[in-house]
C-alpha atoms as a PDB file:
ATOM      1  CA  MET A   1      -5.770  -2.382  10.637  1.00  0.00           C
ATOM      2  CA  ASN A   2      -3.490  -1.610  13.602  1.00  0.00           C
ATOM      3  CA  GLN A   3       0.320  -1.553  13.859  1.00  0.00           C
ATOM      4  CA  ASN A   4       1.937  -1.673  17.234  1.00  0.00           C
ATOM      5  CA  PRO A   5       5.514  -0.264  16.788  1.00  0.00           C
ATOM      6  CA  MET A   6       6.675  -1.399  20.205  1.00  0.00           C
ATOM      7  CA  ASN A   7       5.940  -5.100  19.942  1.00  0.00           C
ATOM      8  CA  GLN A   8       6.155  -5.089  16.102  1.00  0.00           C
ATOM      9  CA  THR A   9       2.680  -6.687  15.908  1.00  0.00           C
ATOM     10  CA  VAL A  10       0.492  -5.875  12.879  1.00  0.00           C
ATOM     11  CA  VAL A  11      -3.238  -6.691  12.990  1.00  0.00           C
ATOM     12  CA  GLY A  12      -5.639  -6.804  10.054  1.00  0.00           C
ATOM     13  CA  ILE A  13      -9.462  -7.262  10.429  1.00  0.00           C
ATOM     14  CA  PHE A  14     -11.293  -8.718   7.444  1.00  0.00           C
ATOM     15  CA  ASP A  15     -15.007  -9.078   6.694  1.00  0.00           C
ATOM     16  CA  THR A  16     -14.468 -12.416   4.839  1.00  0.00           C
ATOM     17  CA  ALA A  17     -12.251 -15.468   5.429  1.00  0.00           C
ATOM     18  CA  ALA A  18     -11.287 -15.417   1.795  1.00  0.00           C
ATOM     19  CA  HIS A  19      -9.779 -11.959   2.172  1.00  0.00           C
ATOM     20  CA  ALA A  20      -7.924 -13.065   5.352  1.00  0.00           C
ATOM     21  CA  LYS A  21      -6.573 -16.184   3.520  1.00  0.00           C
ATOM     22  CA  GLN A  22      -5.508 -14.026   0.506  1.00  0.00           C
ATOM     23  CA  ALA A  23      -3.736 -11.744   2.959  1.00  0.00           C
ATOM     24  CA  ALA A  24      -1.844 -14.641   4.495  1.00  0.00           C
ATOM     25  CA  GLN A  25      -0.842 -15.992   1.012  1.00  0.00           C
ATOM     26  CA  GLN A  26       0.494 -12.445   0.015  1.00  0.00           C
ATOM     27  CA  LEU A  27       2.411 -12.266   3.205  1.00  0.00           C
ATOM     28  CA  LYS A  28       4.054 -15.661   2.405  1.00  0.00           C
ATOM     29  CA  THR A  29       4.767 -14.550  -1.151  1.00  0.00           C
ATOM     30  CA  ALA A  30       6.420 -11.400   0.232  1.00  0.00           C
ATOM     31  CA  GLY A  31       8.779 -13.519   2.327  1.00  0.00           C
ATOM     32  CA  PHE A  32       7.054 -13.556   5.660  1.00  0.00           C
ATOM     33  CA  SER A  33       7.226 -16.912   7.585  1.00  0.00           C
ATOM     34  CA  LEU A  34       3.872 -18.416   8.229  1.00  0.00           C
ATOM     35  CA  ASP A  35       5.083 -19.229  11.802  1.00  0.00           C
ATOM     36  CA  ASP A  36       4.773 -15.409  12.394  1.00  0.00           C
ATOM     37  CA  VAL A  37       1.274 -15.118  10.839  1.00  0.00           C
ATOM     38  CA  ASP A  38      -1.882 -16.116  12.759  1.00  0.00           C
ATOM     39  CA  THR A  39      -5.208 -16.246  11.072  1.00  0.00           C
ATOM     40  CA  ILE A  40      -8.451 -16.641  13.001  1.00  0.00           C
ATOM     41  CA  SER A  41     -11.909 -16.915  11.445  1.00  0.00           C
ATOM     42  CA  ARG A  42     -15.562 -17.484  12.319  1.00  0.00           C
ATOM     43  CA  ASP A  43     -15.613 -20.024   9.533  1.00  0.00           C
ATOM     44  CA  SER A  44     -13.157 -22.384  11.281  1.00  0.00           C
ATOM     45  CA  LYS A  45     -13.919 -25.990  10.638  1.00  0.00           C
ATOM     46  CA  ASP A  46     -14.605 -26.695  14.267  1.00  0.00           C
ATOM     47  CA  GLY A  47     -17.513 -24.161  14.159  1.00  0.00           C
ATOM     48  CA  SER A  48     -16.227 -22.174  17.160  1.00  0.00           C
ATOM     49  CA  ASN A  49     -16.745 -18.451  17.421  1.00  0.00           C
ATOM     50  CA  TYR A  50     -13.431 -17.048  16.396  1.00  0.00           C
ATOM     51  CA  TYR A  51     -13.099 -14.447  19.145  1.00  0.00           C
ATOM     52  CA  ASN A  52     -13.418 -17.208  21.696  1.00  0.00           C
ATOM     53  CA  SER A  53     -11.292 -19.598  19.681  1.00  0.00           C
ATOM     54  CA  THR A  54      -8.422 -21.581  21.098  1.00  0.00           C
ATOM     55  CA  ASN A  55      -5.942 -19.855  18.768  1.00  0.00           C
ATOM     56  CA  THR A  56      -2.439 -19.794  20.357  1.00  0.00           C
ATOM     57  CA  THR A  57      -2.027 -16.126  20.060  1.00  0.00           C
ATOM     58  CA  THR A  58      -5.383 -15.010  21.680  1.00  0.00           C
ATOM     59  CA  GLU A  59      -5.176 -17.748  24.299  1.00  0.00           C
ATOM     60  CA  ALA A  60      -1.667 -16.747  25.424  1.00  0.00           C
ATOM     61  CA  VAL A  61      -2.665 -13.057  25.488  1.00  0.00           C
ATOM     62  CA  GLY A  62      -5.741 -13.949  27.560  1.00  0.00           C
ATOM     63  CA  ASP A  63      -3.735 -15.922  30.104  1.00  0.00           C
ATOM     64  CA  ALA A  64      -1.220 -13.171  30.447  1.00  0.00           C
ATOM     65  CA  ALA A  65      -3.872 -10.600  31.048  1.00  0.00           C
ATOM     66  CA  GLY A  66      -5.620 -12.894  33.519  1.00  0.00           C
ATOM     67  CA  ARG A  67      -8.858 -12.864  31.490  1.00  0.00           C
ATOM     68  CA  THR A  68     -10.084 -15.814  29.471  1.00  0.00           C
ATOM     69  CA  SER A  69     -13.760 -15.033  28.794  1.00  0.00           C
ATOM     70  CA  ASP A  70     -13.078 -12.928  25.778  1.00  0.00           C
ATOM     71  CA  SER A  71      -9.845 -13.846  23.993  1.00  0.00           C
ATOM     72  CA  ILE A  72     -10.176 -11.113  21.315  1.00  0.00           C
ATOM     73  CA  GLY A  73     -10.736  -8.460  23.983  1.00  0.00           C
ATOM     74  CA  ASN A  74      -7.735  -9.678  25.950  1.00  0.00           C
ATOM     75  CA  PHE A  75      -5.651  -9.591  22.807  1.00  0.00           C
ATOM     76  CA  PHE A  76      -6.388  -5.998  21.985  1.00  0.00           C
ATOM     77  CA  HIS A  77      -6.094  -4.826  25.529  1.00  0.00           C
ATOM     78  CA  ASN A  78      -2.678  -6.427  25.775  1.00  0.00           C
ATOM     79  CA  LEU A  79      -1.777  -4.945  22.345  1.00  0.00           C
ATOM     80  CA  PHE A  80      -2.800  -1.405  23.249  1.00  0.00           C
ATOM     81  CA  GLY A  81      -1.735  -1.421  26.905  1.00  0.00           C
ATOM     82  CA  ASN A  82      -3.234   1.545  28.675  1.00  0.00           C
ATOM     83  CA  ASP A  83      -5.170   2.729  25.596  1.00  0.00           C
ATOM     84  CA  GLY A  84      -8.419   1.195  26.587  1.00  0.00           C
ATOM     85  CA  ASP A  85     -10.479   3.203  24.124  1.00  0.00           C
ATOM     86  CA  ASN A  86      -8.592   1.856  21.096  1.00  0.00           C
ATOM     87  CA  ALA A  87      -8.620  -1.598  22.546  1.00  0.00           C
ATOM     88  CA  ASN A  88     -12.398  -1.467  22.945  1.00  0.00           C
ATOM     89  CA  LEU A  89     -12.836   0.001  19.431  1.00  0.00           C
ATOM     90  CA  TYR A  90     -10.742  -2.662  17.717  1.00  0.00           C
ATOM     91  CA  SER A  91     -12.384  -5.475  19.831  1.00  0.00           C
ATOM     92  CA  HIS A  92     -15.797  -4.272  18.768  1.00  0.00           C
ATOM     93  CA  ALA A  93     -14.795  -4.121  15.093  1.00  0.00           C
ATOM     94  CA  ALA A  94     -13.281  -7.631  15.283  1.00  0.00           C
ATOM     95  CA  ARG A  95     -16.352  -9.131  16.888  1.00  0.00           C
ATOM     96  CA  ASN A  96     -18.408  -7.739  14.057  1.00  0.00           C
ATOM     97  CA  SER A  97     -16.116  -8.958  11.336  1.00  0.00           C
ATOM     98  CA  ASN A  98     -15.234 -12.394  10.015  1.00  0.00           C
ATOM     99  CA  SER A  99     -11.526 -12.876  10.351  1.00  0.00           C
ATOM    100  CA  LEU A 100      -8.448 -11.579  12.067  1.00  0.00           C
ATOM    101  CA  VAL A 101      -4.795 -11.788  10.752  1.00  0.00           C
ATOM    102  CA  THR A 102      -1.940 -10.996  13.147  1.00  0.00           C
ATOM    103  CA  VAL A 103       1.727 -10.648  11.946  1.00  0.00           C
ATOM    104  CA  HIS A 104       4.629 -10.671  14.311  1.00  0.00           C
ATOM    105  CA  CYS A 105       7.405  -8.613  12.841  1.00  0.00           C
ATOM    106  CA  LYS A 106      11.058  -8.261  13.961  1.00  0.00           C
ATOM    107  CA  THR A 107      11.666  -4.754  12.604  1.00  0.00           C
ATOM    108  CA  ALA A 108       9.681  -1.556  11.851  1.00  0.00           C
ATOM    109  CA  ASP A 109      10.347  -1.981   8.160  1.00  0.00           C
ATOM    110  CA  HIS A 110       8.761  -5.452   8.147  1.00  0.00           C
ATOM    111  CA  ALA A 111       5.866  -4.101  10.155  1.00  0.00           C
ATOM    112  CA  HIS A 112       5.266  -1.361   7.710  1.00  0.00           C
ATOM    113  CA  LYS A 113       5.456  -3.827   4.780  1.00  0.00           C
ATOM    114  CA  ALA A 114       2.981  -6.141   6.485  1.00  0.00           C
ATOM    115  CA  ALA A 115       0.618  -3.262   7.096  1.00  0.00           C
ATOM    116  CA  GLU A 116       0.636  -2.342   3.378  1.00  0.00           C
ATOM    117  CA  ILE A 117       0.077  -5.942   2.386  1.00  0.00           C
ATOM    118  CA  LEU A 118      -2.937  -6.236   4.728  1.00  0.00           C
ATOM    119  CA  ASP A 119      -4.530  -3.054   3.439  1.00  0.00           C
ATOM    120  CA  ARG A 120      -4.089  -4.097  -0.086  1.00  0.00           C
ATOM    121  CA  ALA A 121      -5.718  -7.423   0.778  1.00  0.00           C
ATOM    122  CA  GLY A 122      -8.874  -5.720   2.024  1.00  0.00           C
ATOM    123  CA  ALA A 123      -8.440  -5.027   5.701  1.00  0.00           C
ATOM    124  CA  ILE A 124     -11.341  -3.023   6.974  1.00  0.00           C
ATOM    125  CA  ASP A 125     -11.346   0.564   8.206  1.00  0.00           C
ATOM    126  CA  VAL A 126     -11.898   0.007  11.875  1.00  0.00           C
ATOM    127  CA  ASN A 127     -13.466   3.435  12.613  1.00  0.00           C
ATOM    128  CA  GLU A 128     -15.849   3.019   9.686  1.00  0.00           C
ATOM    129  CA  LYS A 129     -16.749  -0.526  10.718  1.00  0.00           C
ATOM    130  CA  ALA A 130     -17.396   0.601  14.366  1.00  0.00           C
ATOM    131  CA  GLY A 131     -19.592   3.367  13.151  1.00  0.00           C
ATOM    132  CA  GLN A 132     -21.641   1.042  10.940  1.00  0.00           C
ATOM    133  CA  THR A 133     -22.127  -1.464  13.746  1.00  0.00           C
ATOM    134  CA  GLY A 134     -23.240   1.038  16.341  1.00  0.00           C
ATOM    135  CA  TYR A 135     -20.092   1.237  18.467  1.00  0.00           C
ATOM    136  CA  LYS A 136     -20.366   3.661  21.430  1.00  0.00           C
ATOM    137  CA  ALA A 137     -17.270   4.813  23.121  1.00  0.00           C
ATOM    138  CA  ASN A 138     -17.141   3.996  26.762  1.00  0.00           C
ATOM    139  CA  ASN A 139     -20.501   2.188  26.369  1.00  0.00           C
ATOM    140  CA  MET A 140     -22.233   5.529  26.204  1.00  0.00           C
ATOM    141  CA  ALA A 141     -24.331   6.860  23.314  1.00  0.00           C
ATOM    142  CA  SER A 142     -22.810  10.108  21.866  1.00  0.00           C
ATOM    143  CA  GLY A 143     -25.165  12.989  22.151  1.00  0.00           C
ATOM    144  CA  SER A 144     -27.238  11.509  25.076  1.00  0.00           C
ATOM    145  CA  ALA A 145     -27.444  13.123  28.515  1.00  0.00           C
ATOM    146  CA  ALA A 146     -26.439  10.741  31.280  1.00  0.00           C
ATOM    147  CA  THR A 147     -27.950  11.723  34.620  1.00  0.00           C
ATOM    148  CA  THR A 148     -26.553  10.927  38.012  1.00  0.00           C
ATOM    149  CA  GLN A 149     -27.936  11.527  41.554  1.00  0.00           C
ATOM    150  CA  THR A 150     -25.503  12.679  44.230  1.00  0.00           C
ATOM    151  CA  GLY A 151     -25.840  11.948  47.881  1.00  0.00           C
ATOM    152  CA  ASN A 152     -27.015  15.469  48.590  1.00  0.00           C
ATOM    153  CA  ASN A 153     -30.326  15.051  46.736  1.00  0.00           C
ATOM    154  CA  GLU A 154     -28.768  16.832  43.815  1.00  0.00           C
ATOM    155  CA  VAL A 155     -29.357  15.716  40.221  1.00  0.00           C
ATOM    156  CA  SER A 156     -26.869  16.561  37.459  1.00  0.00           C
ATOM    157  CA  ALA A 157     -26.951  16.162  33.682  1.00  0.00           C
ATOM    158  CA  LYS A 158     -23.763  15.584  31.801  1.00  0.00           C
ATOM    159  CA  VAL A 159     -23.406  17.386  28.479  1.00  0.00           C
ATOM    160  CA  ILE A 160     -21.681  15.292  25.867  1.00  0.00           C
ATOM    161  CA  GLU A 161     -20.166  16.888  22.737  1.00  0.00           C
ATOM    162  CA  GLU A 162     -18.698  15.303  19.755  1.00  0.00           C
ATOM    163  CA  ASN A 163     -15.551  16.837  18.094  1.00  0.00           C
ATOM    164  CA  LEU A 164     -14.496  16.333  14.556  1.00  0.00           C
ATOM    165  CA  GLN A 165     -11.024  14.835  14.204  1.00  0.00           C
ATOM    166  CA  VAL A 166      -9.406  14.833  10.808  1.00  0.00           C
ATOM    167  CA  GLY A 167      -6.303  12.819  10.204  1.00  0.00           C
ATOM    168  CA  LYS A 168      -4.220  11.968   7.190  1.00  0.00           C
ATOM    169  CA  ARG A 169      -2.878   8.780   5.737  1.00  0.00           C
ATOM    170  CA  VAL A 170      -0.661   8.167   2.671  1.00  0.00           C
ATOM    171  CA  GLU A 171      -2.064   6.004  -0.179  1.00  0.00           C
ATOM    172  CA  GLN A 172      -0.256   5.020  -3.313  1.00  0.00           C
ATOM    173  CA  THR A 173      -2.199   6.439  -6.281  1.00  0.00           C
ATOM    174  CA  GLY A 174       0.167   5.722  -9.192  1.00  0.00           C
ATOM    175  CA  GLY A 175       3.742   5.880 -10.298  1.00  0.00           C
ATOM    176  CA  ALA A 176       6.112   5.184 -13.226  1.00  0.00           C
ATOM    177  CA  ARG A 177       8.825   2.607 -13.785  1.00  0.00           C
ATOM    178  CA  LEU A 178      11.638   2.816 -16.373  1.00  0.00           C
ATOM    179  CA  ARG A 179      12.530  -0.469 -18.104  1.00  0.00           C
ATOM    180  CA  SER A 180      15.038  -0.518 -20.881  1.00  0.00           C
ATOM    181  CA  ARG A 181      15.275  -3.186 -23.707  1.00  0.00           C
ATOM    182  CA  ILE A 182      17.276  -3.640 -26.832  1.00  0.00           C
ATOM    183  CA  VAL A 183      15.446  -3.864 -30.149  1.00  0.00           C
ATOM    184  CA  GLU A 184      16.923  -4.424 -33.652  1.00  0.00           C
ATOM    185  CA  ARG A 185      15.810  -2.926 -36.879  1.00  0.00           C
ATOM    186  CA  PRO A 186      17.181  -3.381 -40.416  1.00  0.00           C
ATOM    187  CA  VAL A 187      19.034  -0.524 -42.076  1.00  0.00           C
ATOM    188  CA  GLU A 188      20.610  -0.089 -45.492  1.00  0.00           C
ATOM    189  CA  ALA A 189      23.064   2.428 -47.133  1.00  0.00           C
ATOM    190  CA  ASN A 190      24.362   2.822 -50.651  1.00  0.00           C
ATOM    191  CA  VAL A 191      28.103   3.045 -51.420  1.00  0.00           C
ATOM    192  CA  ARG A 192      29.879   3.323 -54.801  1.00  0.00           C
ATOM    193  CA  LEU A 193      32.711   0.808 -55.239  1.00  0.00           C
ATOM    194  CA  ARG A 194      35.577   0.930 -57.941  1.00  0.00           C
ATOM    195  CA  GLU A 195      36.988  -2.037 -59.671  1.00  0.00           C
ATOM    196  CA  GLU A 196      40.058  -2.278 -61.991  1.00  0.00           C
ATOM    197  CA  HIS A 197      40.337  -4.716 -64.942  1.00  0.00           C
ATOM    198  CA  VAL A 198      43.393  -5.402 -66.995  1.00  0.00           C
ATOM    199  CA  ASN A 199      42.840  -5.471 -70.822  1.00  0.00           C
ATOM    200  CA  VAL A 200      45.355  -7.181 -73.072  1.00  0.00           C
ATOM    201  CA  GLU A 201      45.373  -5.907 -76.601  1.00  0.00           C
ATOM    202  CA  ARG A 202      47.520  -7.362 -79.507  1.00  0.00           C
ATOM    203  CA  THR A 203      48.134  -5.208 -82.540  1.00  0.00           C
ATOM    204  CA  ALA A 204      49.732  -6.622 -85.729  1.00  0.00           C
ATOM    205  CA  VAL A 205      52.505  -4.389 -87.188  1.00  0.00           C
ATOM    206  CA  ASN A 206      54.982  -4.689 -90.126  1.00  0.00           C
ATOM    207  CA  ARG A 207      57.813  -2.141 -89.983  1.00  0.00           C
ATOM    208  CA  PRO A 208      61.632  -2.266 -89.874  1.00  0.00           C
ATOM    209  CA  ALA A 209      63.087  -2.549 -86.371  1.00  0.00           C
ATOM    210  CA  THR A 210      64.630   0.551 -85.013  1.00  0.00           C
ATOM    211  CA  GLU A 211      67.465   0.989 -82.678  1.00  0.00           C
ATOM    212  CA  ALA A 212      64.941   1.453 -79.840  1.00  0.00           C
ATOM    213  CA  ASP A 213      63.459  -1.834 -80.753  1.00  0.00           C
ATOM    214  CA  PHE A 214      66.868  -3.446 -80.564  1.00  0.00           C
ATOM    215  CA  ASN A 215      67.447  -1.877 -77.056  1.00  0.00           C
ATOM    216  CA  ALA A 216      64.120  -3.419 -75.910  1.00  0.00           C
ATOM    217  CA  PHE A 217      64.911  -6.699 -77.567  1.00  0.00           C
ATOM    218  CA  LYS A 218      65.741  -8.572 -74.343  1.00  0.00           C
ATOM    219  CA  GLU A 219      64.012 -10.699 -71.793  1.00  0.00           C
ATOM    220  CA  GLY A 220      61.920  -9.130 -69.121  1.00  0.00           C
ATOM    221  CA  GLU A 221      58.460  -8.809 -67.783  1.00  0.00           C
ATOM    222  CA  VAL A 222      55.776  -6.181 -67.280  1.00  0.00           C
ATOM    223  CA  GLU A 223      53.164  -6.557 -64.675  1.00  0.00           C
ATOM    224  CA  VAL A 224      49.833  -4.696 -64.331  1.00  0.00           C
ATOM    225  CA  THR A 225      47.664  -5.482 -61.152  1.00  0.00           C
ATOM    226  CA  GLU A 226      43.945  -5.134 -60.749  1.00  0.00           C
ATOM    227  CA  ARG A 227      42.406  -3.520 -57.690  1.00  0.00           C
ATOM    228  CA  THR A 228      38.834  -3.486 -56.323  1.00  0.00           C
ATOM    229  CA  GLU A 229      37.066  -1.727 -53.495  1.00  0.00           C
ATOM    230  CA  ARG A 230      35.066  -3.685 -50.837  1.00  0.00           C
ATOM    231  CA  ALA A 231      32.477  -2.277 -48.394  1.00  0.00           C
ATOM    232  CA  VAL A 232      33.665  -2.103 -44.839  1.00  0.00           C
ATOM    233  CA  VAL A 233      30.890  -1.898 -42.157  1.00  0.00           C
ATOM    234  CA  GLY A 234      31.415  -0.278 -38.742  1.00  0.00           C
ATOM    235  CA  LYS A 235      29.012   0.748 -35.950  1.00  0.00           C
ATOM    236  CA  GLU A 236      29.133   3.644 -33.581  1.00  0.00           C
ATOM    237  CA  ALA A 237      26.968   3.828 -30.451  1.00  0.00           C
ATOM    238  CA  ARG A 238      25.746   7.358 -29.608  1.00  0.00           C
ATOM    239  CA  VAL A 239      23.585   8.524 -26.714  1.00  0.00           C
ATOM    240  CA  VAL A 240      20.570  10.224 -28.365  1.00  0.00           C
ATOM    241  CA  GLU A 241      18.164  10.658 -25.433  1.00  0.00           C
ATOM    242  CA  GLU A 242      18.040  10.550 -21.577  1.00  0.00           C
ATOM    243  CA  VAL A 243      14.791   9.607 -19.715  1.00  0.00           C
ATOM    244  CA  THR A 244      14.722  10.715 -16.099  1.00  0.00           C
ATOM    245  CA  LEU A 245      12.114   9.897 -13.369  1.00  0.00           C
ATOM    246  CA  GLY A 246      11.438  12.731 -10.966  1.00  0.00           C
ATOM    247  CA  LYS A 247       8.858  13.601  -8.433  1.00  0.00           C
ATOM    248  CA  GLU A 248       7.326  16.877  -7.368  1.00  0.00           C
ATOM    249  CA  VAL A 249       5.120  17.464  -4.353  1.00  0.00           C
ATOM    250  CA  THR A 250       2.054  19.716  -4.507  1.00  0.00           C
ATOM    251  CA  GLU A 251      -0.368  20.465  -1.854  1.00  0.00           C
ATOM    252  CA  ARG A 252      -4.114  20.908  -1.991  1.00  0.00           C
ATOM    253  CA  GLU A 253      -6.642  21.949   0.554  1.00  0.00           C
ATOM    254  CA  GLU A 254      -9.762  19.801   1.055  1.00  0.00           C
ATOM    255  CA  THR A 255     -12.735  20.755   3.131  1.00  0.00           C
ATOM    256  CA  ILE A 256     -14.122  17.926   5.250  1.00  0.00           C
ATOM    257  CA  ARG A 257     -17.880  18.233   5.943  1.00  0.00           C
ATOM    258  CA  ASP A 258     -19.639  16.186   8.584  1.00  0.00           C
ATOM    259  CA  THR A 259     -22.011  16.515  11.447  1.00  0.00           C
ATOM    260  CA  VAL A 260     -21.214  16.313  15.188  1.00  0.00           C
ATOM    261  CA  ARG A 261     -23.670  16.003  17.937  1.00  0.00           C
ATOM    262  CA  LYS A 262     -23.894  17.814  21.291  1.00  0.00           C
ATOM    263  CA  THR A 263     -26.210  17.429  24.207  1.00  0.00           C
ATOM    264  CA  GLU A 264     -28.174  20.491  25.187  1.00  0.00           C
ATOM    265  CA  VAL A 265     -29.845  20.649  28.593  1.00  0.00           C
ATOM    266  CA  ASP A 266     -32.848  22.844  28.896  1.00  0.00           C
ATOM    267  CA  VAL A 267     -33.850  24.106  32.425  1.00  0.00           C
ATOM    268  CA  GLU A 268     -37.572  24.316  32.965  1.00  0.00           C
ATOM    269  CA  GLN A 269     -38.962  26.131  35.990  1.00  0.00           C
ATOM    270  CA  LEU A 270     -41.828  24.305  37.582  1.00  0.00           C
ATOM    271  CA  GLY A 271     -44.918  26.343  38.666  1.00  0.00           C
ATOM    272  CA  THR A 272     -45.848  26.664  42.419  1.00  0.00           C
ATOM    273  CA  LYS A 273     -49.299  26.652  43.885  1.00  0.00           C
ATOM    274  CA  ASP A 274     -50.639  30.014  45.252  1.00  0.00           C
ATOM    275  CA  VAL A 275     -51.082  29.170  48.880  1.00  0.00           C
ATOM    276  CA  ARG A 276     -52.464  32.618  49.859  1.00  0.00           C
ATOM    277  CA  ASN A 277     -55.347  32.337  47.504  1.00  0.00           C
ATOM    278  CA  ASP A 278     -56.289  28.951  48.906  1.00  0.00           C
ATOM    279  CA  ASN A 279     -56.226  30.309  52.489  1.00  0.00           C
ATOM    280  CA  ARG A 280     -58.571  33.237  51.451  1.00  0.00           C
ATOM    281  CA  LYS A 281     -61.079  30.780  50.089  1.00  0.00           C
ATOM    282  CA  ASN A 282     -61.114  28.712  53.328  1.00  0.00           C
ATOM    283  CA  SER A 283     -61.631  31.815  55.543  1.00  0.00           C
END
């Protein structure tokens, strides 16, 4: 998968048309306009070979570059500009794959988002694909000695050596999301409530009235009220816990082991014939 930051064009190469179609659908779901997404496949209904198809993108690129025999090659050469090695690498990988998805983006953020979607949808690793399909940079087999003959009857052998280049890419391996929700649970509490009750008692008596009785012998009223306690419910919200998401960065060292090839040129001295011995035999 390639991302061209200058033209904001993102390219994904897929081994199957289904993966390419899925990528286009995911781009649409993510808000990309299908007018900005081109999908080319070997499995097109007209049966044409996709890298020589009449797709608008590749055809326009081919015309602009003045080359029409290989639209996919024209496309990548126009995309990479003067970087012919990468253009050849991606062209080779595309010709040995099934489908190609290009996304025309207006901003770098959209381009980065499109690249992530294409990766998740199954875009191939171009370097890995090229290695599996026998790609040779500059059309020369690595580790082989190419010989040339100069005009001065000299023969030279070129020594080709591979170098190990290790890069880095960032992949999402996990994460955490905080989502809060409100749940209800039943609770209960016991409370003691007091009630008052008025009792009326009548007692029969038979005694002479006293002066105090005569003083109380007048109209009036006495009132006694009853009271009762009722439960009153209130709620208090308290913060009892805080959950915080943080991130720490650690570094680890990884040893990459691989093999590289190098051409070794051995110089062998050719034997010469002893002319003096031959002359001695003829004398």
